[in-house]
Amino acid sequence: MIDLTIDDDVATVVLNAPSKLNSLDEQALHDLGRAYDEADAAGVRALVLRGEGRAFCAGRDISAVDPRDDDVIGYLGGLVTPLLQRMSRFPAPTFAVAHGACLGVGLGLLISTDVVYVAESAKIGSPFAALGATLDSGGHALFVERLGAHKTLDLIYTGRLMSGTEAVTSGLFSRVLPDDKVLQATTDAAATAARGATAAFLSSKQLVARIRDERLALWDSIEIENAAQAALCDTDDYREGFAAFQEKRKPQFRGR
């Protein structure tokens, strides 16, 4: 079950199947995509993704999967990958609360979110050795980029799970917080972003994605930065930010 609420320009999307650790079947993936579409149509200026219960998301719901006729390409290539791409391109800052199990597709949901705050007790890694399967949903790319090939294969071969503290110390995600504080910290950060210059934030989000996906060199990225800054000159928020600075007051951004 996927829940969506919108309040003060912030959408909150909740994976709400705690009895199965918010694992995702095909219907849940469709519902999650629809939640992002509805939040987009509502014009929210920030989004929070979290899981209900003991875990963020334990991955794919395999309780009814028969491996003899499992359509892996249909599930991963036809459903999961397009959803992760949709999430990563959401036109506003996105934040996730990672606690408990964050595995498989659940890890992919975090990879596709802009900012991830992690509970100290989170469990992140690749437990698929016990299934005869391999890490999916972007996990290889994340681990190799942040951890290197040797640590990546160590995690995959052993099935060892990192704590939230280790994951953040290793550079996987944004910051680690005590379990009882991570949700509030994430919602506060999203609320702050929603009151900010979200057009400028989106420009940075797009540039970061290009640097990552296209492996842009320094001078190429600077050229794109210059063009982005020039485009922002025509926005209300750019003019408001300069006026507020010159008038020594707090800016009132509107996201355009």
Foldseek 3Di string as FASTA:
>chain_A
DWDWDDDPLEIEIELEDQVQQSADEQVNLVVVLVNLVVSLVVRRAEYEYAYPYQFGYQYHDCVPPDVVPDPPCCPCVVGLVVSLVSLLLRLHAYEYEGGAEQAASSVLNVVSHDAYEYAQAYWDAYQCVVVVDFHDNCPVVLCCVQPNDVVNVVCGVVVHTDGRVVCVVSPSGDYYDHPVCRVVVRVVVRSVSRQAQGLVVSLVSVLVVCCVPVVDDDVVSVVSVVVSVVVCVPDPRVVQVVVCVVVVHDGGHDND
